[in-house]
C-alpha atoms as a PDB file:
ATOM      1  CA  UNK A   1      35.561  82.602 153.137  1.00  0.00           C
ATOM      2  CA  UNK A   2      39.282  81.947 152.704  1.00  0.00           C
ATOM      3  CA  UNK A   3      41.709  80.512 150.148  1.00  0.00           C
ATOM      4  CA  UNK A   4      44.364  77.834 150.564  1.00  0.00           C
ATOM      5  CA  UNK A   5      47.169  76.499 148.400  1.00  0.00           C
ATOM      6  CA  UNK A   6      46.269  72.890 147.575  1.00  0.00           C
ATOM      7  CA  UNK A   7      48.966  72.103 145.026  1.00  0.00           C
ATOM      8  CA  UNK A   8      52.305  73.384 143.727  1.00  0.00           C
ATOM      9  CA  UNK A   9      54.371  72.655 140.640  1.00  0.00           C
ATOM     10  CA  UNK A  10      57.473  73.839 138.808  1.00  0.00           C
ATOM     11  CA  UNK A  11      59.504  73.413 135.667  1.00  0.00           C
ATOM     12  CA  UNK A  12      63.077  74.192 134.635  1.00  0.00           C
ATOM     13  CA  UNK A  13      64.398  73.954 131.068  1.00  0.00           C
ATOM     14  CA  UNK A  14      66.841  71.130 130.423  1.00  0.00           C
ATOM     15  CA  UNK A  15      69.833  73.229 129.344  1.00  0.00           C
ATOM     16  CA  UNK A  16      72.090  74.260 132.230  1.00  0.00           C
ATOM     17  CA  UNK A  17      74.558  77.147 131.988  1.00  0.00           C
ATOM     18  CA  UNK A  18      77.229  77.004 134.692  1.00  0.00           C
ATOM     19  CA  UNK A  19      79.530  79.741 135.918  1.00  0.00           C
ATOM     20  CA  UNK A  20      82.391  77.940 134.187  1.00  0.00           C
ATOM     21  CA  UNK A  21      80.465  78.210 130.905  1.00  0.00           C
ATOM     22  CA  UNK A  22      80.184  81.980 131.365  1.00  0.00           C
ATOM     23  CA  UNK A  23      83.917  82.264 132.017  1.00  0.00           C
ATOM     24  CA  UNK A  24      84.511  81.086 128.431  1.00  0.00           C
ATOM     25  CA  UNK A  25      82.919  84.144 126.815  1.00  0.00           C
ATOM     26  CA  UNK A  26      82.749  86.952 129.392  1.00  0.00           C
ATOM     27  CA  UNK A  27      85.289  88.392 131.841  1.00  0.00           C
ATOM     28  CA  UNK A  28      84.225  86.514 134.966  1.00  0.00           C
ATOM     29  CA  UNK A  29      84.913  83.397 137.017  1.00  0.00           C
ATOM     30  CA  UNK A  30      83.017  80.830 139.052  1.00  0.00           C
ATOM     31  CA  UNK A  31      84.391  82.235 142.316  1.00  0.00           C
ATOM     32  CA  UNK A  32      83.544  85.861 141.359  1.00  0.00           C
ATOM     33  CA  UNK A  33      79.915  84.968 140.625  1.00  0.00           C
ATOM     34  CA  UNK A  34      79.469  82.802 143.731  1.00  0.00           C
ATOM     35  CA  UNK A  35      81.002  85.435 146.003  1.00  0.00           C
ATOM     36  CA  UNK A  36      78.600  88.129 144.780  1.00  0.00           C
ATOM     37  CA  UNK A  37      75.429  86.129 144.247  1.00  0.00           C
ATOM     38  CA  UNK A  38      75.697  82.541 145.489  1.00  0.00           C
ATOM     39  CA  UNK A  39      74.670  81.402 141.998  1.00  0.00           C
ATOM     40  CA  UNK A  40      76.444  78.368 140.523  1.00  0.00           C
ATOM     41  CA  UNK A  41      74.201  77.556 137.552  1.00  0.00           C
ATOM     42  CA  UNK A  42      70.987  78.575 135.835  1.00  0.00           C
ATOM     43  CA  UNK A  43      68.689  77.127 133.148  1.00  0.00           C
ATOM     44  CA  UNK A  44      68.186  78.470 129.630  1.00  0.00           C
ATOM     45  CA  UNK A  45      65.117  77.755 127.509  1.00  0.00           C
ATOM     46  CA  UNK A  46      65.560  76.737 123.845  1.00  0.00           C
ATOM     47  CA  UNK A  47      64.642  79.289 121.185  1.00  0.00           C
ATOM     48  CA  UNK A  48      61.272  77.674 120.478  1.00  0.00           C
ATOM     49  CA  UNK A  49      60.188  77.576 124.156  1.00  0.00           C
ATOM     50  CA  UNK A  50      58.349  80.576 125.606  1.00  0.00           C
ATOM     51  CA  UNK A  51      57.014  81.684 128.980  1.00  0.00           C
ATOM     52  CA  UNK A  52      53.682  79.983 128.269  1.00  0.00           C
ATOM     53  CA  UNK A  53      55.480  76.692 127.518  1.00  0.00           C
ATOM     54  CA  UNK A  54      57.412  76.775 130.790  1.00  0.00           C
ATOM     55  CA  UNK A  55      54.275  77.888 132.605  1.00  0.00           C
ATOM     56  CA  UNK A  56      52.271  75.066 131.048  1.00  0.00           C
ATOM     57  CA  UNK A  57      54.588  72.400 132.473  1.00  0.00           C
ATOM     58  CA  UNK A  58      54.567  74.004 135.919  1.00  0.00           C
ATOM     59  CA  UNK A  59      50.771  74.423 135.805  1.00  0.00           C
ATOM     60  CA  UNK A  60      50.231  70.795 134.809  1.00  0.00           C
ATOM     61  CA  UNK A  61      52.384  69.657 137.730  1.00  0.00           C
ATOM     62  CA  UNK A  62      50.491  71.892 140.150  1.00  0.00           C
ATOM     63  CA  UNK A  63      47.118  70.707 138.857  1.00  0.00           C
ATOM     64  CA  UNK A  64      48.205  67.089 139.180  1.00  0.00           C
ATOM     65  CA  UNK A  65      49.335  67.654 142.761  1.00  0.00           C
ATOM     66  CA  UNK A  66      46.112  69.496 143.637  1.00  0.00           C
ATOM     67  CA  UNK A  67      43.706  66.939 142.195  1.00  0.00           C
ATOM     68  CA  UNK A  68      41.884  69.703 140.280  1.00  0.00           C
ATOM     69  CA  UNK A  69      41.155  69.178 136.577  1.00  0.00           C
ATOM     70  CA  UNK A  70      42.255  71.954 134.217  1.00  0.00           C
ATOM     71  CA  UNK A  71      38.683  72.356 132.973  1.00  0.00           C
ATOM     72  CA  UNK A  72      37.514  73.243 136.486  1.00  0.00           C
ATOM     73  CA  UNK A  73      39.883  76.228 136.847  1.00  0.00           C
ATOM     74  CA  UNK A  74      37.995  79.530 137.056  1.00  0.00           C
ATOM     75  CA  UNK A  75      40.893  82.012 137.177  1.00  0.00           C
ATOM     76  CA  UNK A  76      44.396  82.025 135.656  1.00  0.00           C
ATOM     77  CA  UNK A  77      46.926  84.691 136.553  1.00  0.00           C
ATOM     78  CA  UNK A  78      50.388  84.624 135.010  1.00  0.00           C
ATOM     79  CA  UNK A  79      53.069  86.751 136.652  1.00  0.00           C
ATOM     80  CA  UNK A  80      55.752  87.449 134.060  1.00  0.00           C
ATOM     81  CA  UNK A  81      58.187  90.081 132.891  1.00  0.00           C
ATOM     82  CA  UNK A  82      58.880  88.178 129.666  1.00  0.00           C
ATOM     83  CA  UNK A  83      55.485  87.524 128.001  1.00  0.00           C
ATOM     84  CA  UNK A  84      55.202  85.489 124.814  1.00  0.00           C
ATOM     85  CA  UNK A  85      54.116  88.612 122.911  1.00  0.00           C
ATOM     86  CA  UNK A  86      52.723  92.102 123.445  1.00  0.00           C
ATOM     87  CA  UNK A  87      49.202  90.662 123.337  1.00  0.00           C
ATOM     88  CA  UNK A  88      47.230  88.535 123.891  1.00  0.00           C
ATOM     89  CA  UNK A  89      48.298  87.877 127.456  1.00  0.00           C
ATOM     90  CA  UNK A  90      50.480  84.896 128.281  1.00  0.00           C
ATOM     91  CA  UNK A  91      47.633  83.808 130.582  1.00  0.00           C
ATOM     92  CA  UNK A  92      45.256  83.535 127.612  1.00  0.00           C
ATOM     93  CA  UNK A  93      47.870  81.638 125.597  1.00  0.00           C
ATOM     94  CA  UNK A  94      48.413  79.290 128.533  1.00  0.00           C
ATOM     95  CA  UNK A  95      44.654  78.904 128.976  1.00  0.00           C
ATOM     96  CA  UNK A  96      44.443  77.695 125.372  1.00  0.00           C
ATOM     97  CA  UNK A  97      47.323  75.247 125.852  1.00  0.00           C
ATOM     98  CA  UNK A  98      45.553  73.822 128.897  1.00  0.00           C
ATOM     99  CA  UNK A  99      42.425  73.315 126.805  1.00  0.00           C
ATOM    100  CA  UNK A 100      40.280  75.590 128.968  1.00  0.00           C
ATOM    101  CA  UNK A 101      37.492  77.235 126.966  1.00  0.00           C
ATOM    102  CA  UNK A 102      36.276  79.822 129.460  1.00  0.00           C
ATOM    103  CA  UNK A 103      37.737  81.307 132.622  1.00  0.00           C
ATOM    104  CA  UNK A 104      39.148  84.636 133.776  1.00  0.00           C
ATOM    105  CA  UNK A 105      42.727  85.013 132.498  1.00  0.00           C
ATOM    106  CA  UNK A 106      45.215  87.880 132.650  1.00  0.00           C
ATOM    107  CA  UNK A 107      48.864  88.725 133.305  1.00  0.00           C
ATOM    108  CA  UNK A 108      50.426  90.621 136.205  1.00  0.00           C
ATOM    109  CA  UNK A 109      53.587  92.675 135.627  1.00  0.00           C
ATOM    110  CA  UNK A 110      55.288  93.404 138.934  1.00  0.00           C
ATOM    111  CA  UNK A 111      58.661  91.897 137.990  1.00  0.00           C
ATOM    112  CA  UNK A 112      60.178  89.870 140.863  1.00  0.00           C
ATOM    113  CA  UNK A 113      57.208  90.624 143.147  1.00  0.00           C
ATOM    114  CA  UNK A 114      54.801  89.340 140.508  1.00  0.00           C
ATOM    115  CA  UNK A 115      53.950  86.014 142.132  1.00  0.00           C
ATOM    116  CA  UNK A 116      53.196  87.694 145.474  1.00  0.00           C
ATOM    117  CA  UNK A 117      51.003  90.256 143.696  1.00  0.00           C
ATOM    118  CA  UNK A 118      49.209  87.498 141.751  1.00  0.00           C
ATOM    119  CA  UNK A 119      48.560  85.398 144.869  1.00  0.00           C
ATOM    120  CA  UNK A 120      47.078  88.409 146.629  1.00  0.00           C
ATOM    121  CA  UNK A 121      44.801  89.173 143.666  1.00  0.00           C
ATOM    122  CA  UNK A 122      43.625  85.560 143.423  1.00  0.00           C
ATOM    123  CA  UNK A 123      42.940  85.492 147.154  1.00  0.00           C
ATOM    124  CA  UNK A 124      40.704  88.559 146.790  1.00  0.00           C
ATOM    125  CA  UNK A 125      38.817  86.967 143.889  1.00  0.00           C
ATOM    126  CA  UNK A 126      38.119  83.881 146.017  1.00  0.00           C
ATOM    127  CA  UNK A 127      37.232  85.821 149.167  1.00  0.00           C
ATOM    128  CA  UNK A 128      34.766  87.939 147.204  1.00  0.00           C
ATOM    129  CA  UNK A 129      33.012  84.811 145.946  1.00  0.00           C
ATOM    130  CA  UNK A 130      33.712  85.505 142.265  1.00  0.00           C
ATOM    131  CA  UNK A 131      35.637  82.238 141.832  1.00  0.00           C
ATOM    132  CA  UNK A 132      36.185  79.096 143.879  1.00  0.00           C
ATOM    133  CA  UNK A 133      39.660  78.264 142.627  1.00  0.00           C
ATOM    134  CA  UNK A 134      42.607  79.836 140.821  1.00  0.00           C
ATOM    135  CA  UNK A 135      45.780  78.791 139.022  1.00  0.00           C
ATOM    136  CA  UNK A 136      48.712  81.156 139.656  1.00  0.00           C
ATOM    137  CA  UNK A 137      51.877  80.895 137.580  1.00  0.00           C
ATOM    138  CA  UNK A 138      55.195  82.700 137.615  1.00  0.00           C
ATOM    139  CA  UNK A 139      57.036  82.110 134.316  1.00  0.00           C
ATOM    140  CA  UNK A 140      60.132  83.792 132.913  1.00  0.00           C
ATOM    141  CA  UNK A 141      62.557  83.498 129.979  1.00  0.00           C
ATOM    142  CA  UNK A 142      65.113  86.104 131.028  1.00  0.00           C
ATOM    143  CA  UNK A 143      67.686  84.676 128.635  1.00  0.00           C
ATOM    144  CA  UNK A 144      65.885  86.674 125.900  1.00  0.00           C
ATOM    145  CA  UNK A 145      66.505  90.052 127.568  1.00  0.00           C
ATOM    146  CA  UNK A 146      70.119  89.669 128.730  1.00  0.00           C
ATOM    147  CA  UNK A 147      73.185  91.327 127.264  1.00  0.00           C
ATOM    148  CA  UNK A 148      75.679  88.465 127.382  1.00  0.00           C
ATOM    149  CA  UNK A 149      78.602  90.902 127.215  1.00  0.00           C
ATOM    150  CA  UNK A 150      77.524  92.567 130.484  1.00  0.00           C
ATOM    151  CA  UNK A 151      78.929  90.420 133.273  1.00  0.00           C
ATOM    152  CA  UNK A 152      77.137  92.451 135.957  1.00  0.00           C
ATOM    153  CA  UNK A 153      73.722  91.203 134.803  1.00  0.00           C
ATOM    154  CA  UNK A 154      73.966  88.218 132.450  1.00  0.00           C
ATOM    155  CA  UNK A 155      75.326  85.840 135.111  1.00  0.00           C
ATOM    156  CA  UNK A 156      72.489  86.533 137.545  1.00  0.00           C
ATOM    157  CA  UNK A 157      69.332  85.465 135.720  1.00  0.00           C
ATOM    158  CA  UNK A 158      67.772  82.222 134.535  1.00  0.00           C
ATOM    159  CA  UNK A 159      64.635  80.759 132.973  1.00  0.00           C
ATOM    160  CA  UNK A 160      61.933  78.742 134.735  1.00  0.00           C
ATOM    161  CA  UNK A 161      58.360  78.557 135.971  1.00  0.00           C
ATOM    162  CA  UNK A 162      56.478  77.770 139.163  1.00  0.00           C
ATOM    163  CA  UNK A 163      52.775  77.438 139.901  1.00  0.00           C
ATOM    164  CA  UNK A 164      50.231  77.059 142.684  1.00  0.00           C
ATOM    165  CA  UNK A 165      46.541  76.129 142.792  1.00  0.00           C
ATOM    166  CA  UNK A 166      44.338  78.031 145.244  1.00  0.00           C
ATOM    167  CA  UNK A 167      40.970  76.744 146.445  1.00  0.00           C
ATOM    168  CA  UNK A 168      38.139  78.221 148.489  1.00  0.00           C
ATOM    169  CA  UNK A 169      38.358  77.026 152.080  1.00  0.00           C
ATOM    170  CA  UNK A 170      36.605  77.387 155.415  1.00  0.00           C
ATOM    171  CA  UNK A 171      40.038  77.316 157.057  1.00  0.00           C
ATOM    172  CA  UNK A 172      42.400  80.281 156.643  1.00  0.00           C
ATOM    173  CA  UNK A 173      45.311  79.685 154.255  1.00  0.00           C
ATOM    174  CA  UNK A 174      46.452  83.068 152.984  1.00  0.00           C
ATOM    175  CA  UNK A 175      46.324  84.945 156.281  1.00  0.00           C
ATOM    176  CA  UNK A 176      47.628  88.437 155.538  1.00  0.00           C
ATOM    177  CA  UNK A 177      49.384  90.346 152.785  1.00  0.00           C
ATOM    178  CA  UNK A 178      50.928  93.734 152.065  1.00  0.00           C
ATOM    179  CA  UNK A 179      51.820  95.137 148.641  1.00  0.00           C
ATOM    180  CA  UNK A 180      53.806  98.250 147.728  1.00  0.00           C
ATOM    181  CA  UNK A 181      55.299 100.113 144.770  1.00  0.00           C
ATOM    182  CA  UNK A 182      57.409 103.246 144.350  1.00  0.00           C
ATOM    183  CA  UNK A 183      57.961 104.292 140.733  1.00  0.00           C
ATOM    184  CA  UNK A 184      60.541 106.915 141.639  1.00  0.00           C
ATOM    185  CA  UNK A 185      63.039 104.016 141.547  1.00  0.00           C
ATOM    186  CA  UNK A 186      62.026 103.009 138.016  1.00  0.00           C
ATOM    187  CA  UNK A 187      65.529 103.468 136.577  1.00  0.00           C
ATOM    188  CA  UNK A 188      67.326 101.320 139.162  1.00  0.00           C
ATOM    189  CA  UNK A 189      66.279  98.027 137.555  1.00  0.00           C
ATOM    190  CA  UNK A 190      64.658  98.015 134.133  1.00  0.00           C
ATOM    191  CA  UNK A 191      64.598  97.015 130.485  1.00  0.00           C
ATOM    192  CA  UNK A 192      64.341 100.459 128.836  1.00  0.00           C
ATOM    193  CA  UNK A 193      63.330  99.281 125.389  1.00  0.00           C
ATOM    194  CA  UNK A 194      60.075  98.990 123.443  1.00  0.00           C
ATOM    195  CA  UNK A 195      58.659  98.401 119.965  1.00  0.00           C
ATOM    196  CA  UNK A 196      57.613 101.288 117.738  1.00  0.00           C
ATOM    197  CA  UNK A 197      56.899 101.146 114.008  1.00  0.00           C
ATOM    198  CA  UNK A 198      58.326  97.646 113.890  1.00  0.00           C
ATOM    199  CA  UNK A 199      61.675  98.674 115.399  1.00  0.00           C
ATOM    200  CA  UNK A 200      63.268  98.323 118.828  1.00  0.00           C
ATOM    201  CA  UNK A 201      63.612 101.704 120.495  1.00  0.00           C
ATOM    202  CA  UNK A 202      65.967 102.067 123.451  1.00  0.00           C
ATOM    203  CA  UNK A 203      67.864  99.209 125.075  1.00  0.00           C
ATOM    204  CA  UNK A 204      66.031  95.848 125.128  1.00  0.00           C
ATOM    205  CA  UNK A 205      68.261  94.358 127.841  1.00  0.00           C
ATOM    206  CA  UNK A 206      68.234  94.247 131.627  1.00  0.00           C
ATOM    207  CA  UNK A 207      70.080  97.144 133.210  1.00  0.00           C
ATOM    208  CA  UNK A 208      70.627  97.365 136.954  1.00  0.00           C
ATOM    209  CA  UNK A 209      72.174  99.592 139.578  1.00  0.00           C
ATOM    210  CA  UNK A 210      73.393  96.701 141.720  1.00  0.00           C
ATOM    211  CA  UNK A 211      74.307  98.571 144.942  1.00  0.00           C
ATOM    212  CA  UNK A 212      71.026 100.527 144.897  1.00  0.00           C
ATOM    213  CA  UNK A 213      68.965  97.368 144.352  1.00  0.00           C
ATOM    214  CA  UNK A 214      70.809  95.537 147.145  1.00  0.00           C
ATOM    215  CA  UNK A 215      70.313  98.384 149.632  1.00  0.00           C
ATOM    216  CA  UNK A 216      66.633  98.799 148.824  1.00  0.00           C
ATOM    217  CA  UNK A 217      65.872  95.055 148.760  1.00  0.00           C
ATOM    218  CA  UNK A 218      67.328  94.293 152.196  1.00  0.00           C
ATOM    219  CA  UNK A 219      65.406  97.174 153.766  1.00  0.00           C
ATOM    220  CA  UNK A 220      62.157  96.335 151.946  1.00  0.00           C
ATOM    221  CA  UNK A 221      62.346  92.624 152.774  1.00  0.00           C
ATOM    222  CA  UNK A 222      62.684  93.356 156.481  1.00  0.00           C
ATOM    223  CA  UNK A 223      60.022  96.074 156.602  1.00  0.00           C
ATOM    224  CA  UNK A 224      57.361  94.222 154.617  1.00  0.00           C
ATOM    225  CA  UNK A 225      57.973  91.066 156.651  1.00  0.00           C
ATOM    226  CA  UNK A 226      57.289  92.995 159.837  1.00  0.00           C
ATOM    227  CA  UNK A 227      54.190  94.586 158.239  1.00  0.00           C
ATOM    228  CA  UNK A 228      52.751  91.216 157.233  1.00  0.00           C
ATOM    229  CA  UNK A 229      53.502  89.655 160.614  1.00  0.00           C
ATOM    230  CA  UNK A 230      51.703  92.513 162.349  1.00  0.00           C
ATOM    231  CA  UNK A 231      48.695  92.162 160.028  1.00  0.00           C
ATOM    232  CA  UNK A 232      48.620  88.403 160.677  1.00  0.00           C
ATOM    233  CA  UNK A 233      49.091  88.893 164.440  1.00  0.00           C
ATOM    234  CA  UNK A 234      52.232  86.761 164.283  1.00  0.00           C
ATOM    235  CA  UNK A 235      55.873  87.078 165.316  1.00  0.00           C
ATOM    236  CA  UNK A 236      59.125  86.163 163.595  1.00  0.00           C
ATOM    237  CA  UNK A 237      59.291  83.018 165.726  1.00  0.00           C
ATOM    238  CA  UNK A 238      56.022  81.863 164.114  1.00  0.00           C
ATOM    239  CA  UNK A 239      57.637  81.602 160.669  1.00  0.00           C
ATOM    240  CA  UNK A 240      58.468  78.010 159.744  1.00  0.00           C
ATOM    241  CA  UNK A 241      59.836  78.945 156.327  1.00  0.00           C
ATOM    242  CA  UNK A 242      60.845  82.307 154.863  1.00  0.00           C
ATOM    243  CA  UNK A 243      60.602  82.129 151.052  1.00  0.00           C
ATOM    244  CA  UNK A 244      62.069  85.323 149.602  1.00  0.00           C
ATOM    245  CA  UNK A 245      62.479  86.186 145.951  1.00  0.00           C
ATOM    246  CA  UNK A 246      65.642  84.325 144.986  1.00  0.00           C
ATOM    247  CA  UNK A 247      67.756  87.318 143.929  1.00  0.00           C
ATOM    248  CA  UNK A 248      71.054  86.356 145.526  1.00  0.00           C
ATOM    249  CA  UNK A 249      72.263  84.781 148.751  1.00  0.00           C
ATOM    250  CA  UNK A 250      73.789  87.997 150.098  1.00  0.00           C
ATOM    251  CA  UNK A 251      70.408  89.759 150.084  1.00  0.00           C
ATOM    252  CA  UNK A 252      68.602  86.744 151.555  1.00  0.00           C
ATOM    253  CA  UNK A 253      71.184  86.115 154.281  1.00  0.00           C
ATOM    254  CA  UNK A 254      71.233  89.805 155.225  1.00  0.00           C
ATOM    255  CA  UNK A 255      67.434  89.737 155.529  1.00  0.00           C
ATOM    256  CA  UNK A 256      67.455  86.690 157.785  1.00  0.00           C
ATOM    257  CA  UNK A 257      70.114  88.279 159.991  1.00  0.00           C
ATOM    258  CA  UNK A 258      68.169  91.535 160.342  1.00  0.00           C
ATOM    259  CA  UNK A 259      64.999  89.636 161.229  1.00  0.00           C
ATOM    260  CA  UNK A 260      66.760  87.441 163.789  1.00  0.00           C
ATOM    261  CA  UNK A 261      65.437  84.350 162.011  1.00  0.00           C
ATOM    262  CA  UNK A 262      67.475  81.102 162.156  1.00  0.00           C
ATOM    263  CA  UNK A 263      69.256  80.486 158.849  1.00  0.00           C
ATOM    264  CA  UNK A 264      67.799  76.980 158.666  1.00  0.00           C
ATOM    265  CA  UNK A 265      64.335  78.525 158.166  1.00  0.00           C
ATOM    266  CA  UNK A 266      65.444  80.240 154.951  1.00  0.00           C
ATOM    267  CA  UNK A 267      64.354  78.643 151.672  1.00  0.00           C
ATOM    268  CA  UNK A 268      67.248  79.158 149.271  1.00  0.00           C
ATOM    269  CA  UNK A 269      67.454  77.587 145.811  1.00  0.00           C
ATOM    270  CA  UNK A 270      69.089  80.421 143.867  1.00  0.00           C
ATOM    271  CA  UNK A 271      72.383  78.533 143.617  1.00  0.00           C
ATOM    272  CA  UNK A 272      71.042  76.187 140.942  1.00  0.00           C
ATOM    273  CA  UNK A 273      68.461  78.263 139.047  1.00  0.00           C
ATOM    274  CA  UNK A 274      69.646  81.867 139.430  1.00  0.00           C
ATOM    275  CA  UNK A 275      67.290  84.825 139.622  1.00  0.00           C
ATOM    276  CA  UNK A 276      64.132  83.765 137.787  1.00  0.00           C
ATOM    277  CA  UNK A 277      62.178  86.908 138.702  1.00  0.00           C
ATOM    278  CA  UNK A 278      58.431  86.186 139.085  1.00  0.00           C
ATOM    279  CA  UNK A 279      59.104  82.432 138.879  1.00  0.00           C
ATOM    280  CA  UNK A 280      61.609  82.304 141.725  1.00  0.00           C
ATOM    281  CA  UNK A 281      59.267  82.135 144.736  1.00  0.00           C
ATOM    282  CA  UNK A 282      56.990  79.365 143.379  1.00  0.00           C
ATOM    283  CA  UNK A 283      60.052  77.460 142.091  1.00  0.00           C
ATOM    284  CA  UNK A 284      61.654  77.571 145.533  1.00  0.00           C
ATOM    285  CA  UNK A 285      58.384  76.723 147.301  1.00  0.00           C
ATOM    286  CA  UNK A 286      57.694  73.708 145.097  1.00  0.00           C
ATOM    287  CA  UNK A 287      61.227  72.363 145.511  1.00  0.00           C
ATOM    288  CA  UNK A 288      60.905  72.419 149.306  1.00  0.00           C
ATOM    289  CA  UNK A 289      57.426  70.862 149.088  1.00  0.00           C
ATOM    290  CA  UNK A 290      58.757  68.065 146.872  1.00  0.00           C
ATOM    291  CA  UNK A 291      61.712  67.287 149.117  1.00  0.00           C
ATOM    292  CA  UNK A 292      59.432  67.076 152.155  1.00  0.00           C
ATOM    293  CA  UNK A 293      60.746  70.111 154.015  1.00  0.00           C
ATOM    294  CA  UNK A 294      57.542  72.145 153.690  1.00  0.00           C
ATOM    295  CA  UNK A 295      54.652  70.176 155.134  1.00  0.00           C
ATOM    296  CA  UNK A 296      50.936  70.734 155.510  1.00  0.00           C
ATOM    297  CA  UNK A 297      50.281  73.103 158.400  1.00  0.00           C
ATOM    298  CA  UNK A 298      53.616  74.923 158.122  1.00  0.00           C
ATOM    299  CA  UNK A 299      53.630  78.725 158.265  1.00  0.00           C
ATOM    300  CA  UNK A 300      55.251  80.362 155.234  1.00  0.00           C
ATOM    301  CA  UNK A 301      56.258  83.965 154.712  1.00  0.00           C
ATOM    302  CA  UNK A 302      56.630  84.842 151.014  1.00  0.00           C
ATOM    303  CA  UNK A 303      58.375  88.136 150.209  1.00  0.00           C
ATOM    304  CA  UNK A 304      59.389  89.708 146.913  1.00  0.00           C
ATOM    305  CA  UNK A 305      61.127  92.853 145.708  1.00  0.00           C
ATOM    306  CA  UNK A 306      61.320  93.745 142.025  1.00  0.00           C
ATOM    307  CA  UNK A 307      61.889  96.472 139.467  1.00  0.00           C
ATOM    308  CA  UNK A 308      59.631  99.450 139.757  1.00  0.00           C
ATOM    309  CA  UNK A 309      60.344  99.172 142.639  1.00  0.00           C
ATOM    310  CA  UNK A 310      57.568  96.807 143.707  1.00  0.00           C
ATOM    311  CA  UNK A 311      57.571  94.770 146.887  1.00  0.00           C
ATOM    312  CA  UNK A 312      55.210  92.742 149.016  1.00  0.00           C
ATOM    313  CA  UNK A 313      54.679  89.788 151.295  1.00  0.00           C
ATOM    314  CA  UNK A 314      52.125  87.152 152.254  1.00  0.00           C
ATOM    315  CA  UNK A 315      51.787  85.022 155.405  1.00  0.00           C
ATOM    316  CA  UNK A 316      50.418  81.586 154.581  1.00  0.00           C
ATOM    317  CA  UNK A 317      49.259  78.529 156.505  1.00  0.00           C
ATOM    318  CA  UNK A 318      50.228  75.828 154.054  1.00  0.00           C
END
C-alpha cells in the first residue's frame, strides 16, 4: 500500500509588501535585500485573517484539483509555526471551516520543515491502513511575529498557505523520506516568547543567527538529499525538480551547486512570496504544477530545514 499526491493548492493574501515599501520605514534598500536573499516582495495577511483562513483557501483549491470532497477526508494535518491560538489546534479549526464533522486532525510544529514532516506522517497513516486519504496544509502568518525595526529578519518572511491531498494507491508516490532534528541548535532560529498569567514573557519576535542558519542549511540540504536518494535507490540525475524550503536564493543555489544539479531543475519562488516557513514548499510546488512545469510522472525531491534545527526530505513520484 502506497500514497500519492492527487491534488495541490495554494493561497497568498492580497496585500503585497515590496522591498521599496520596507525602505520607507527601516534602514534597508531593494538592492540590499535582493543581494542577500533574492526576495523582491512578500504577502501580508490582514489583521482579521489567520493561519486557518489562509489554509482554508489553499485546502479548498487542493480538494478541487484532487476531485475529493471535503467530507471524505479522513486525516488533516496542518504544519504551522503561527497557529490561530494556543489550542485547539489550527487543524481542528480548519476542519470546522471545511464543514467536516469527524476525522483525525492535528498540527505539526517543525517550523520550515513542517510540511515535509506532515507529508511523512500522513504517508505512514495511509500505509498502515488507518486512513485512505489525507489533507496536508502548510499555513503561516509570520507578519504577526516580526519585529519591523529589525532589518535582518523582517524583510525575509511572508504570509501564505499551500496544501496537498494524498490518496491510497497501488502505485508508489511517496517513495522514501528521512527526518531529523537537533535541539542543541535551538537558539539559532527561534521566537523566545510565551504567554504566562496573561502576559507575554520573553521576546515574541523572530530572532536569527543568519550566518549559522546559512551554514547549517546548506550542509543539511545536501546531506538529507543524498540520504533520501540512497533510500529511494535513486541518483541526483533522477531528480526532475528539487523543491527546497524557500528560505533565500543563496542557500538554494549553493545547494544545487553542491549537488551538481542543473539550475533549471530548481523550483524557486521565494522572490515573490519570501520565506513562508511551513507553507513555502507546498506554495512553490503548486505554482509549478499550475504553470505546467511539474507534470504527472515527474520525480520531485522536497527538502526542508527549519528552527530547532529540524530538517528532512522526501522523494516523490508525482
